[in-house]
Amino acid sequence: MTMLDHISLGVRDLSVSGAFYDAALEPLGYRRVLEKGIGMAYGPGPDRTGMMFWIVGPNADASASRGSHVAFAATSRGAVDDFHAAALSAGARDNGAPGLRPEYSENYYGAFVLDPDGHKVEAVCRTEH
């Protein structure tokens, strides 16, 4: 299992940044593999396995990252729950309780917190349990 599930960067202009990352990441073997209203994801291929890199536009809704965001991969939904509880106990602020997020994908189970410096941190499990 990899440590990171995905990262995202907030961008001012999704079209300009999309063109930039299309060109810059192509020599590295990465390409745009997914587009949603909030932004674009890059990865190694169309199967969308492995860690993805997202760029997120400025008009994304409040649940989406407007700046830097890191999502750690969890082995189970229980681990996501435990992450959320431990982070809150350690001084984080809640930014999204553990739960399914079908708007991201069918089995996407995540929890969001803001760390002591205000960075958005997430744990995500993509399995059914």
C-alpha atoms as a PDB file:
ATOM      1  CA  MET A   1       0.000   0.000   0.000  1.00  0.00           C
ATOM      2  CA  THR A   2       1.201   3.482  -0.791  1.00  0.00           C
ATOM      3  CA  MET A   3       1.158   6.152   1.878  1.00  0.00           C
ATOM      4  CA  LEU A   4      -0.533   8.826  -0.215  1.00  0.00           C
ATOM      5  CA  ASP A   5      -3.803   8.390  -2.084  1.00  0.00           C
ATOM      6  CA  HIS A   6      -3.824  11.783  -3.820  1.00  0.00           C
ATOM      7  CA  ILE A   7      -2.690  15.382  -3.508  1.00  0.00           C
ATOM      8  CA  SER A   8      -4.194  18.534  -4.947  1.00  0.00           C
ATOM      9  CA  LEU A   9      -3.175  22.097  -5.625  1.00  0.00           C
ATOM     10  CA  GLY A  10      -5.526  25.028  -5.938  1.00  0.00           C
ATOM     11  CA  VAL A  11      -5.048  26.959  -9.177  1.00  0.00           C
ATOM     12  CA  ARG A  12      -6.262  30.372 -10.363  1.00  0.00           C
ATOM     13  CA  ASP A  13      -7.201  29.326 -13.904  1.00  0.00           C
ATOM     14  CA  LEU A  14      -8.073  25.687 -14.542  1.00  0.00           C
ATOM     15  CA  SER A  15      -7.708  25.991 -18.344  1.00  0.00           C
ATOM     16  CA  VAL A  16      -4.256  27.572 -18.186  1.00  0.00           C
ATOM     17  CA  SER A  17      -3.023  25.189 -15.485  1.00  0.00           C
ATOM     18  CA  GLY A  18      -4.539  22.198 -17.293  1.00  0.00           C
ATOM     19  CA  ALA A  19      -2.628  23.054 -20.457  1.00  0.00           C
ATOM     20  CA  PHE A  20       0.560  23.523 -18.416  1.00  0.00           C
ATOM     21  CA  TYR A  21       0.295  20.185 -16.583  1.00  0.00           C
ATOM     22  CA  ASP A  22      -0.761  18.358 -19.779  1.00  0.00           C
ATOM     23  CA  ALA A  23       2.527  19.453 -21.357  1.00  0.00           C
ATOM     24  CA  ALA A  24       4.791  19.267 -18.300  1.00  0.00           C
ATOM     25  CA  LEU A  25       3.720  15.831 -17.067  1.00  0.00           C
ATOM     26  CA  GLU A  26       3.577  14.071 -20.463  1.00  0.00           C
ATOM     27  CA  PRO A  27       7.358  13.470 -20.649  1.00  0.00           C
ATOM     28  CA  LEU A  28       7.133  11.813 -17.226  1.00  0.00           C
ATOM     29  CA  GLY A  29       4.491   9.374 -18.442  1.00  0.00           C
ATOM     30  CA  TYR A  30       1.533  11.035 -16.702  1.00  0.00           C
ATOM     31  CA  ARG A  31      -1.586  12.300 -18.372  1.00  0.00           C
ATOM     32  CA  ARG A  32      -4.985  13.730 -17.567  1.00  0.00           C
ATOM     33  CA  VAL A  33      -7.129  10.751 -16.557  1.00  0.00           C
ATOM     34  CA  LEU A  34     -10.213  12.363 -15.045  1.00  0.00           C
ATOM     35  CA  GLU A  35     -12.121  15.639 -15.147  1.00  0.00           C
ATOM     36  CA  LYS A  36     -14.837  16.658 -12.718  1.00  0.00           C
ATOM     37  CA  GLY A  37     -16.448  20.009 -12.061  1.00  0.00           C
ATOM     38  CA  ILE A  38     -13.926  20.823  -9.349  1.00  0.00           C
ATOM     39  CA  GLY A  39     -10.803  20.055 -11.354  1.00  0.00           C
ATOM     40  CA  MET A  40      -8.605  17.615 -13.245  1.00  0.00           C
ATOM     41  CA  ALA A  41      -6.681  14.539 -12.136  1.00  0.00           C
ATOM     42  CA  TYR A  42      -3.410  13.244 -13.544  1.00  0.00           C
ATOM     43  CA  GLY A  43      -2.030   9.733 -13.305  1.00  0.00           C
ATOM     44  CA  PRO A  44      -0.071   7.082 -15.164  1.00  0.00           C
ATOM     45  CA  GLY A  45      -2.955   5.626 -17.176  1.00  0.00           C
ATOM     46  CA  PRO A  46      -6.658   5.335 -17.858  1.00  0.00           C
ATOM     47  CA  ASP A  47      -7.298   2.722 -15.144  1.00  0.00           C
ATOM     48  CA  ARG A  48      -6.824   5.456 -12.485  1.00  0.00           C
ATOM     49  CA  THR A  49      -4.912   3.168 -10.136  1.00  0.00           C
ATOM     50  CA  GLY A  50      -2.221   4.498  -7.879  1.00  0.00           C
ATOM     51  CA  MET A  51      -1.755   7.979  -6.535  1.00  0.00           C
ATOM     52  CA  MET A  52      -3.309  10.841  -8.469  1.00  0.00           C
ATOM     53  CA  PHE A  53      -2.370  14.500  -8.676  1.00  0.00           C
ATOM     54  CA  TRP A  54      -5.279  16.970  -8.870  1.00  0.00           C
ATOM     55  CA  ILE A  55      -5.525  20.603  -9.822  1.00  0.00           C
ATOM     56  CA  VAL A  56      -8.607  22.295  -8.406  1.00  0.00           C
ATOM     57  CA  GLY A  57     -10.150  25.474  -9.747  1.00  0.00           C
ATOM     58  CA  PRO A  58     -11.013  28.566  -7.726  1.00  0.00           C
ATOM     59  CA  ASN A  59     -14.779  28.037  -8.008  1.00  0.00           C
ATOM     60  CA  ALA A  60     -14.770  24.646  -6.292  1.00  0.00           C
ATOM     61  CA  ASP A  61     -17.380  24.219  -3.573  1.00  0.00           C
ATOM     62  CA  ALA A  62     -16.556  24.425   0.128  1.00  0.00           C
ATOM     63  CA  SER A  63     -15.886  20.675   0.417  1.00  0.00           C
ATOM     64  CA  ALA A  64     -13.079  20.820  -2.139  1.00  0.00           C
ATOM     65  CA  SER A  65      -9.539  22.020  -1.567  1.00  0.00           C
ATOM     66  CA  ARG A  66      -8.855  25.649  -2.401  1.00  0.00           C
ATOM     67  CA  GLY A  67      -5.142  25.243  -1.790  1.00  0.00           C
ATOM     68  CA  SER A  68      -2.872  22.394  -0.853  1.00  0.00           C
ATOM     69  CA  HIS A  69      -4.475  19.137   0.237  1.00  0.00           C
ATOM     70  CA  VAL A  70      -3.042  15.732   1.027  1.00  0.00           C
ATOM     71  CA  ALA A  71      -4.995  12.486   1.316  1.00  0.00           C
ATOM     72  CA  PHE A  72      -3.456   9.518   3.112  1.00  0.00           C
ATOM     73  CA  ALA A  73      -4.483   6.023   2.042  1.00  0.00           C
ATOM     74  CA  ALA A  74      -6.256   3.964   4.723  1.00  0.00           C
ATOM     75  CA  THR A  75      -6.593   0.188   4.771  1.00  0.00           C
ATOM     76  CA  SER A  76     -10.172   0.202   6.093  1.00  0.00           C
ATOM     77  CA  ARG A  77     -13.105   2.446   6.878  1.00  0.00           C
ATOM     78  CA  GLY A  78     -12.395   1.839  10.560  1.00  0.00           C
ATOM     79  CA  ALA A  79      -8.910   3.261  10.059  1.00  0.00           C
ATOM     80  CA  VAL A  80     -10.480   6.395   8.535  1.00  0.00           C
ATOM     81  CA  ASP A  81     -12.720   6.715  11.599  1.00  0.00           C
ATOM     82  CA  ASP A  82      -9.713   6.242  13.897  1.00  0.00           C
ATOM     83  CA  PHE A  83      -7.684   8.830  11.953  1.00  0.00           C
ATOM     84  CA  HIS A  84     -10.450  11.407  12.335  1.00  0.00           C
ATOM     85  CA  ALA A  85     -10.838  10.797  16.072  1.00  0.00           C
ATOM     86  CA  ALA A  86      -7.079  10.818  16.704  1.00  0.00           C
ATOM     87  CA  ALA A  87      -6.566  13.983  14.667  1.00  0.00           C
ATOM     88  CA  LEU A  88      -9.325  15.824  16.531  1.00  0.00           C
ATOM     89  CA  SER A  89      -7.880  14.663  19.871  1.00  0.00           C
ATOM     90  CA  ALA A  90      -4.469  15.944  18.781  1.00  0.00           C
ATOM     91  CA  GLY A  91      -5.781  19.447  18.031  1.00  0.00           C
ATOM     92  CA  ALA A  92      -7.128  19.331  14.472  1.00  0.00           C
ATOM     93  CA  ARG A  93     -10.374  21.022  13.471  1.00  0.00           C
ATOM     94  CA  ASP A  94     -13.097  18.963  11.821  1.00  0.00           C
ATOM     95  CA  ASN A  95     -13.500  19.615   8.095  1.00  0.00           C
ATOM     96  CA  GLY A  96     -15.692  16.640   7.175  1.00  0.00           C
ATOM     97  CA  ALA A  97     -16.728  13.721   9.378  1.00  0.00           C
ATOM     98  CA  PRO A  98     -16.006  10.159   8.234  1.00  0.00           C
ATOM     99  CA  GLY A  99     -18.443   8.925   5.637  1.00  0.00           C
ATOM    100  CA  LEU A 100     -19.114   7.856   2.091  1.00  0.00           C
ATOM    101  CA  ARG A 101     -18.512  10.466  -0.577  1.00  0.00           C
ATOM    102  CA  PRO A 102     -20.306   9.027  -3.651  1.00  0.00           C
ATOM    103  CA  GLU A 103     -19.740  12.281  -5.527  1.00  0.00           C
ATOM    104  CA  TYR A 104     -16.056  11.243  -5.704  1.00  0.00           C
ATOM    105  CA  SER A 105     -16.577   7.529  -6.454  1.00  0.00           C
ATOM    106  CA  GLU A 106     -18.803   4.641  -5.388  1.00  0.00           C
ATOM    107  CA  ASN A 107     -16.763   3.289  -2.443  1.00  0.00           C
ATOM    108  CA  TYR A 108     -14.960   6.507  -1.476  1.00  0.00           C
ATOM    109  CA  TYR A 109     -14.982   6.706   2.332  1.00  0.00           C
ATOM    110  CA  GLY A 110     -13.094   9.675   3.699  1.00  0.00           C
ATOM    111  CA  ALA A 111     -12.661  12.079   6.587  1.00  0.00           C
ATOM    112  CA  PHE A 112     -11.210  15.587   6.514  1.00  0.00           C
ATOM    113  CA  VAL A 113      -9.476  17.702   9.136  1.00  0.00           C
ATOM    114  CA  LEU A 114      -7.548  20.955   9.230  1.00  0.00           C
ATOM    115  CA  ASP A 115      -4.196  20.529  10.929  1.00  0.00           C
ATOM    116  CA  PRO A 116      -2.891  23.094  13.470  1.00  0.00           C
ATOM    117  CA  ASP A 117      -1.617  25.269  10.598  1.00  0.00           C
ATOM    118  CA  GLY A 118      -4.868  25.050   8.628  1.00  0.00           C
ATOM    119  CA  HIS A 119      -3.722  22.524   6.006  1.00  0.00           C
ATOM    120  CA  LYS A 120      -6.457  20.237   4.708  1.00  0.00           C
ATOM    121  CA  VAL A 121      -5.616  16.615   5.530  1.00  0.00           C
ATOM    122  CA  GLU A 122      -7.702  13.591   4.629  1.00  0.00           C
ATOM    123  CA  ALA A 123      -7.745   9.844   5.136  1.00  0.00           C
ATOM    124  CA  VAL A 124      -9.495   7.782   2.467  1.00  0.00           C
ATOM    125  CA  CYS A 125     -10.430   4.136   1.998  1.00  0.00           C
ATOM    126  CA  ARG A 126     -11.640   3.040  -1.438  1.00  0.00           C
ATOM    127  CA  THR A 127     -12.790  -0.476  -0.540  1.00  0.00           C
ATOM    128  CA  GLU A 128     -16.245  -1.627   0.524  1.00  0.00           C
ATOM    129  CA  HIS A 129     -15.196  -2.257   4.141  1.00  0.00           C
END
